[in-house]
Amino acid sequence: MIDCWRVLSALREYYSYGETDAELIPICESTARELTARVKPNADCSDIRLINAAAAMANHRLCVKKLHSDEGVTSFKAGDVTVSISPAALAENAEKEKTRAIIAALPLLRDEEFLFRQVSI
């Protein structure tokens, strides 16, 4: 199984969350379990690509959670410069990052997608 503590470490390193471990571990454990279920039998669960993919999935879930809360616009001001971004934009960026991380981990994951169509002549 993918180590949820390594996922937590990657989540903190790449996405700078200030929440406590107790708040983040359930999400990290959930994404680690979800991704572990998709890992090929011969793949190494400690591969950094899997750790990063689980961290990106956790980040996406946290962003979606913030999107549905009443936090409004996130902003930062330093002197005359103000930077602001909406939770919706954060969630959109998190979705893109999650997709990139999962694509990087694809060689370690089972192909679970199947498409069946009828060909009309």
N, C-alpha and C. Protein backbone atom coordinates (compact mmCIF):
# COMPACT_ATOMS: atom_id res chain seq x y z
N MET A 1 0.84 -1.18 0.00
CA MET A 1 0.00 0.00 0.00
C MET A 1 0.88 1.25 0.00
N ILE A 2 0.39 2.29 -0.63
CA ILE A 2 1.09 3.57 -0.64
C ILE A 2 1.07 4.14 0.77
N ASP A 3 2.21 4.57 1.25
CA ASP A 3 2.36 5.09 2.61
C ASP A 3 1.71 6.47 2.74
N CYS A 4 0.67 6.56 3.57
CA CYS A 4 -0.06 7.83 3.70
C CYS A 4 0.81 8.91 4.36
N TRP A 5 1.81 8.53 5.14
CA TRP A 5 2.70 9.53 5.75
C TRP A 5 3.60 10.17 4.70
N ARG A 6 4.02 9.38 3.71
CA ARG A 6 4.79 9.95 2.61
C ARG A 6 3.92 10.85 1.74
N VAL A 7 2.66 10.47 1.59
CA VAL A 7 1.71 11.31 0.85
C VAL A 7 1.52 12.63 1.59
N LEU A 8 1.38 12.57 2.90
CA LEU A 8 1.25 13.78 3.71
C LEU A 8 2.48 14.67 3.56
N SER A 9 3.65 14.06 3.60
CA SER A 9 4.89 14.82 3.44
C SER A 9 4.95 15.52 2.08
N ALA A 10 4.57 14.81 1.02
CA ALA A 10 4.55 15.40 -0.32
C ALA A 10 3.50 16.50 -0.41
N LEU A 11 2.35 16.28 0.21
CA LEU A 11 1.28 17.29 0.21
C LEU A 11 1.77 18.57 0.86
N ARG A 12 2.44 18.45 1.98
CA ARG A 12 2.96 19.63 2.67
C ARG A 12 4.08 20.30 1.86
N GLU A 13 4.93 19.50 1.26
CA GLU A 13 6.06 20.05 0.50
C GLU A 13 5.61 20.78 -0.75
N TYR A 14 4.72 20.18 -1.52
CA TYR A 14 4.33 20.75 -2.81
C TYR A 14 3.21 21.78 -2.72
N TYR A 15 2.32 21.63 -1.73
CA TYR A 15 1.13 22.47 -1.70
C TYR A 15 1.01 23.34 -0.46
N SER A 16 1.93 23.26 0.48
CA SER A 16 2.04 24.15 1.65
C SER A 16 0.77 24.27 2.47
N TYR A 17 0.24 23.17 2.92
CA TYR A 17 -0.93 23.22 3.79
C TYR A 17 -0.50 23.44 5.23
N GLY A 18 -1.25 24.28 5.94
CA GLY A 18 -0.94 24.59 7.32
C GLY A 18 -1.78 23.82 8.32
N GLU A 19 -2.72 23.01 7.83
CA GLU A 19 -3.55 22.22 8.74
C GLU A 19 -2.71 21.21 9.50
N THR A 20 -3.26 20.72 10.60
CA THR A 20 -2.56 19.73 11.42
C THR A 20 -2.56 18.37 10.72
N ASP A 21 -1.66 17.50 11.18
CA ASP A 21 -1.62 16.14 10.64
C ASP A 21 -2.95 15.43 10.83
N ALA A 22 -3.59 15.66 11.97
CA ALA A 22 -4.87 15.02 12.25
C ALA A 22 -5.95 15.41 11.24
N GLU A 23 -5.85 16.61 10.70
CA GLU A 23 -6.82 17.06 9.71
C GLU A 23 -6.51 16.53 8.31
N LEU A 24 -5.22 16.35 8.00
CA LEU A 24 -4.82 15.96 6.65
C LEU A 24 -4.68 14.45 6.46
N ILE A 25 -4.33 13.72 7.50
CA ILE A 25 -4.10 12.27 7.36
C ILE A 25 -5.31 11.52 6.81
N PRO A 26 -6.54 11.80 7.23
CA PRO A 26 -7.66 11.04 6.64
C PRO A 26 -7.77 11.20 5.12
N ILE A 27 -7.52 12.39 4.62
CA ILE A 27 -7.57 12.61 3.17
C ILE A 27 -6.41 11.91 2.49
N CYS A 28 -5.22 11.99 3.08
CA CYS A 28 -4.06 11.32 2.51
C CYS A 28 -4.24 9.80 2.51
N GLU A 29 -4.80 9.28 3.58
CA GLU A 29 -5.05 7.84 3.66
C GLU A 29 -6.08 7.41 2.63
N SER A 30 -7.10 8.20 2.45
CA SER A 30 -8.15 7.90 1.47
C SER A 30 -7.59 7.86 0.05
N THR A 31 -6.80 8.87 -0.31
CA THR A 31 -6.25 8.89 -1.66
C THR A 31 -5.21 7.79 -1.85
N ALA A 32 -4.45 7.48 -0.79
CA ALA A 32 -3.46 6.40 -0.89
C ALA A 32 -4.15 5.06 -1.13
N ARG A 33 -5.25 4.81 -0.42
CA ARG A 33 -6.00 3.56 -0.60
C ARG A 33 -6.62 3.50 -2.00
N GLU A 34 -7.19 4.61 -2.44
CA GLU A 34 -7.82 4.66 -3.76
C GLU A 34 -6.81 4.38 -4.86
N LEU A 35 -5.65 4.98 -4.77
CA LEU A 35 -4.64 4.79 -5.79
C LEU A 35 -3.99 3.41 -5.70
N THR A 36 -3.81 2.90 -4.49
CA THR A 36 -3.24 1.57 -4.30
C THR A 36 -4.10 0.51 -4.98
N ALA A 37 -5.40 0.69 -4.97
CA ALA A 37 -6.30 -0.25 -5.62
C ALA A 37 -6.09 -0.30 -7.14
N ARG A 38 -5.50 0.73 -7.70
CA ARG A 38 -5.27 0.80 -9.15
C ARG A 38 -3.86 0.41 -9.56
N VAL A 39 -2.97 0.17 -8.59
CA VAL A 39 -1.56 -0.11 -8.88
C VAL A 39 -1.41 -1.53 -9.45
N LYS A 40 -0.56 -1.65 -10.46
CA LYS A 40 -0.25 -2.95 -11.04
C LYS A 40 0.38 -3.84 -9.97
N PRO A 41 0.17 -5.16 -10.06
CA PRO A 41 0.69 -6.07 -9.04
C PRO A 41 2.21 -6.01 -8.85
N ASN A 42 2.96 -5.78 -9.90
CA ASN A 42 4.43 -5.79 -9.79
C ASN A 42 5.02 -4.40 -9.56
N ALA A 43 4.18 -3.38 -9.41
CA ALA A 43 4.68 -2.01 -9.24
C ALA A 43 5.10 -1.77 -7.79
N ASP A 44 6.08 -0.88 -7.63
CA ASP A 44 6.59 -0.51 -6.32
C ASP A 44 5.72 0.61 -5.75
N CYS A 45 5.04 0.35 -4.65
CA CYS A 45 4.14 1.35 -4.05
C CYS A 45 4.89 2.53 -3.43
N SER A 46 6.21 2.42 -3.32
CA SER A 46 6.98 3.54 -2.78
C SER A 46 7.53 4.44 -3.89
N ASP A 47 7.16 4.15 -5.14
CA ASP A 47 7.60 4.97 -6.27
C ASP A 47 7.10 6.40 -6.09
N ILE A 48 7.98 7.36 -6.30
CA ILE A 48 7.64 8.77 -6.07
C ILE A 48 6.49 9.24 -6.96
N ARG A 49 6.33 8.63 -8.13
CA ARG A 49 5.22 9.01 -9.01
C ARG A 49 3.87 8.69 -8.38
N LEU A 50 3.79 7.58 -7.66
CA LEU A 50 2.56 7.22 -6.97
C LEU A 50 2.32 8.12 -5.76
N ILE A 51 3.39 8.42 -5.03
CA ILE A 51 3.28 9.32 -3.87
C ILE A 51 2.79 10.69 -4.33
N ASN A 52 3.40 11.21 -5.40
CA ASN A 52 3.00 12.52 -5.92
C ASN A 52 1.58 12.53 -6.45
N ALA A 53 1.16 11.44 -7.09
CA ALA A 53 -0.20 11.36 -7.61
C ALA A 53 -1.21 11.36 -6.45
N ALA A 54 -0.92 10.61 -5.40
CA ALA A 54 -1.81 10.59 -4.23
C ALA A 54 -1.86 11.96 -3.56
N ALA A 55 -0.72 12.64 -3.49
CA ALA A 55 -0.68 13.99 -2.90
C ALA A 55 -1.48 14.97 -3.76
N ALA A 56 -1.37 14.86 -5.07
CA ALA A 56 -2.14 15.74 -5.96
C ALA A 56 -3.64 15.46 -5.85
N MET A 57 -4.00 14.20 -5.68
CA MET A 57 -5.41 13.86 -5.48
C MET A 57 -5.92 14.45 -4.17
N ALA A 58 -5.10 14.37 -3.11
CA ALA A 58 -5.49 14.94 -1.82
C ALA A 58 -5.62 16.46 -1.92
N ASN A 59 -4.69 17.09 -2.63
CA ASN A 59 -4.75 18.54 -2.82
C ASN A 59 -6.03 18.92 -3.55
N HIS A 60 -6.39 18.17 -4.57
CA HIS A 60 -7.60 18.45 -5.32
C HIS A 60 -8.83 18.34 -4.42
N ARG A 61 -8.88 17.30 -3.61
CA ARG A 61 -10.02 17.13 -2.70
C ARG A 61 -10.12 18.28 -1.71
N LEU A 62 -8.98 18.72 -1.20
CA LEU A 62 -8.98 19.85 -0.26
C LEU A 62 -9.44 21.13 -0.94
N CYS A 63 -9.02 21.34 -2.18
CA CYS A 63 -9.45 22.54 -2.93
C CYS A 63 -10.93 22.52 -3.21
N VAL A 64 -11.47 21.35 -3.56
CA VAL A 64 -12.91 21.23 -3.81
C VAL A 64 -13.67 21.46 -2.51
N LYS A 65 -13.13 20.97 -1.41
CA LYS A 65 -13.76 21.20 -0.10
C LYS A 65 -13.81 22.69 0.22
N LYS A 66 -12.72 23.40 -0.07
CA LYS A 66 -12.69 24.85 0.16
C LYS A 66 -13.63 25.58 -0.79
N LEU A 67 -13.78 25.05 -1.99
CA LEU A 67 -14.69 25.65 -2.97
C LEU A 67 -16.12 25.66 -2.45
N HIS A 68 -16.49 24.60 -1.76
CA HIS A 68 -17.86 24.47 -1.26
C HIS A 68 -18.06 25.10 0.11
N SER A 69 -17.00 25.67 0.67
CA SER A 69 -17.15 26.39 1.94
C SER A 69 -17.41 27.87 1.62
N ASP A 70 -17.64 28.65 2.61
CA ASP A 70 -17.94 30.07 2.42
C ASP A 70 -16.72 30.95 2.60
N GLU A 71 -15.57 30.52 2.10
CA GLU A 71 -14.36 31.28 2.30
C GLU A 71 -14.20 32.45 1.34
N GLY A 72 -14.97 32.48 0.24
CA GLY A 72 -14.89 33.60 -0.70
C GLY A 72 -13.58 33.64 -1.44
N VAL A 73 -13.05 34.83 -1.67
CA VAL A 73 -11.84 35.02 -2.45
C VAL A 73 -10.62 34.97 -1.52
N THR A 74 -9.61 34.22 -1.93
CA THR A 74 -8.36 34.16 -1.19
C THR A 74 -7.45 35.25 -1.73
N SER A 75 -6.88 36.04 -0.83
CA SER A 75 -6.02 37.12 -1.31
C SER A 75 -4.81 37.30 -0.39
N PHE A 76 -3.80 37.93 -0.94
CA PHE A 76 -2.56 38.22 -0.23
C PHE A 76 -2.11 39.60 -0.66
N LYS A 77 -1.73 40.42 0.31
CA LYS A 77 -1.29 41.77 -0.02
C LYS A 77 0.09 42.01 0.60
N ALA A 78 1.00 42.51 -0.23
CA ALA A 78 2.35 42.87 0.22
C ALA A 78 2.66 44.25 -0.35
N GLY A 79 2.58 45.26 0.50
CA GLY A 79 2.82 46.63 0.03
C GLY A 79 1.75 47.05 -0.94
N ASP A 80 2.16 47.46 -2.14
CA ASP A 80 1.21 47.89 -3.16
C ASP A 80 0.70 46.75 -4.03
N VAL A 81 1.22 45.55 -3.82
CA VAL A 81 0.86 44.42 -4.66
C VAL A 81 -0.16 43.54 -3.94
N THR A 82 -1.27 43.27 -4.61
CA THR A 82 -2.29 42.37 -4.09
C THR A 82 -2.50 41.24 -5.08
N VAL A 83 -2.43 40.03 -4.56
CA VAL A 83 -2.67 38.84 -5.37
C VAL A 83 -3.91 38.16 -4.82
N SER A 84 -4.86 37.89 -5.68
CA SER A 84 -6.06 37.19 -5.23
C SER A 84 -6.46 36.14 -6.25
N ILE A 85 -7.02 35.07 -5.74
CA ILE A 85 -7.49 33.99 -6.59
C ILE A 85 -8.72 33.38 -5.93
N SER A 86 -9.69 33.03 -6.73
CA SER A 86 -10.92 32.47 -6.19
C SER A 86 -10.72 30.98 -5.88
N PRO A 87 -11.50 30.42 -4.96
CA PRO A 87 -11.42 28.99 -4.70
C PRO A 87 -11.71 28.15 -5.95
N ALA A 88 -12.57 28.66 -6.84
CA ALA A 88 -12.86 27.93 -8.08
C ALA A 88 -11.61 27.82 -8.95
N ALA A 89 -10.83 28.88 -9.03
CA ALA A 89 -9.58 28.84 -9.80
C ALA A 89 -8.58 27.91 -9.15
N LEU A 90 -8.53 27.90 -7.82
CA LEU A 90 -7.64 26.98 -7.11
C LEU A 90 -8.02 25.53 -7.41
N ALA A 91 -9.33 25.24 -7.40
CA ALA A 91 -9.79 23.89 -7.68
C ALA A 91 -9.48 23.49 -9.12
N GLU A 92 -9.62 24.43 -10.04
CA GLU A 92 -9.30 24.15 -11.45
C GLU A 92 -7.81 23.85 -11.62
N ASN A 93 -6.97 24.63 -10.98
CA ASN A 93 -5.52 24.37 -11.03
C ASN A 93 -5.18 23.04 -10.37
N ALA A 94 -5.85 22.72 -9.28
CA ALA A 94 -5.61 21.45 -8.60
C ALA A 94 -6.02 20.27 -9.48
N GLU A 95 -7.10 20.43 -10.24
CA GLU A 95 -7.54 19.39 -11.17
C GLU A 95 -6.48 19.14 -12.25
N LYS A 96 -5.91 20.22 -12.79
CA LYS A 96 -4.86 20.08 -13.79
C LYS A 96 -3.63 19.41 -13.21
N GLU A 97 -3.25 19.79 -12.01
CA GLU A 97 -2.09 19.20 -11.35
C GLU A 97 -2.33 17.72 -11.07
N LYS A 98 -3.53 17.37 -10.64
CA LYS A 98 -3.87 15.97 -10.39
C LYS A 98 -3.77 15.16 -11.67
N THR A 99 -4.29 15.71 -12.76
CA THR A 99 -4.23 15.02 -14.05
C THR A 99 -2.78 14.78 -14.48
N ARG A 100 -1.94 15.81 -14.34
CA ARG A 100 -0.52 15.66 -14.70
C ARG A 100 0.16 14.59 -13.85
N ALA A 101 -0.13 14.56 -12.56
CA ALA A 101 0.50 13.60 -11.66
C ALA A 101 0.04 12.17 -11.97
N ILE A 102 -1.23 12.00 -12.28
CA ILE A 102 -1.73 10.67 -12.62
C ILE A 102 -1.17 10.20 -13.95
N ILE A 103 -1.05 11.11 -14.90
CA ILE A 103 -0.44 10.74 -16.19
C ILE A 103 1.00 10.28 -15.98
N ALA A 104 1.73 10.95 -15.10
CA ALA A 104 3.12 10.55 -14.81
C ALA A 104 3.16 9.16 -14.17
N ALA A 105 2.13 8.80 -13.41
CA ALA A 105 2.10 7.51 -12.73
C ALA A 105 1.46 6.40 -13.56
N LEU A 106 0.96 6.71 -14.75
CA LEU A 106 0.26 5.72 -15.57
C LEU A 106 1.02 4.42 -15.81
N PRO A 107 2.34 4.45 -16.01
CA PRO A 107 3.04 3.18 -16.21
C PRO A 107 2.93 2.22 -15.02
N LEU A 108 2.59 2.73 -13.85
CA LEU A 108 2.48 1.92 -12.64
C LEU A 108 1.04 1.52 -12.32
N LEU A 109 0.09 2.01 -13.09
CA LEU A 109 -1.32 1.77 -12.83
C LEU A 109 -1.94 0.83 -13.85
N ARG A 110 -2.92 0.05 -13.36
CA ARG A 110 -3.66 -0.83 -14.27
C ARG A 110 -4.56 0.01 -15.14
N ASP A 111 -4.77 -0.44 -16.36
CA ASP A 111 -5.68 0.25 -17.28
C ASP A 111 -7.09 -0.21 -16.96
N GLU A 112 -7.87 0.68 -16.36
CA GLU A 112 -9.23 0.33 -15.97
C GLU A 112 -10.28 0.94 -16.89
N GLU A 113 -9.82 1.66 -17.89
CA GLU A 113 -10.75 2.29 -18.81
C GLU A 113 -11.07 1.33 -19.95
N PHE A 114 -12.33 1.29 -20.32
CA PHE A 114 -12.77 0.44 -21.41
C PHE A 114 -13.88 1.16 -22.14
N LEU A 115 -13.80 1.15 -23.44
CA LEU A 115 -14.82 1.79 -24.25
C LEU A 115 -15.29 0.79 -25.29
N PHE A 116 -16.58 0.59 -25.34
CA PHE A 116 -17.17 -0.33 -26.30
C PHE A 116 -18.18 0.43 -27.12
N ARG A 117 -17.98 0.43 -28.43
CA ARG A 117 -18.91 1.11 -29.34
C ARG A 117 -19.27 0.19 -30.49
N GLN A 118 -20.42 0.44 -31.03
CA GLN A 118 -20.84 -0.28 -32.21
C GLN A 118 -20.44 0.53 -33.42
N VAL A 119 -19.87 -0.15 -34.38
CA VAL A 119 -19.44 0.52 -35.62
C VAL A 119 -20.57 0.40 -36.62
N SER A 120 -21.02 1.54 -37.12
CA SER A 120 -22.09 1.55 -38.13
C SER A 120 -21.47 1.70 -39.50
N ILE A 121 -21.95 0.92 -40.43
CA ILE A 121 -21.45 0.99 -41.78
C ILE A 121 -22.49 1.60 -42.69
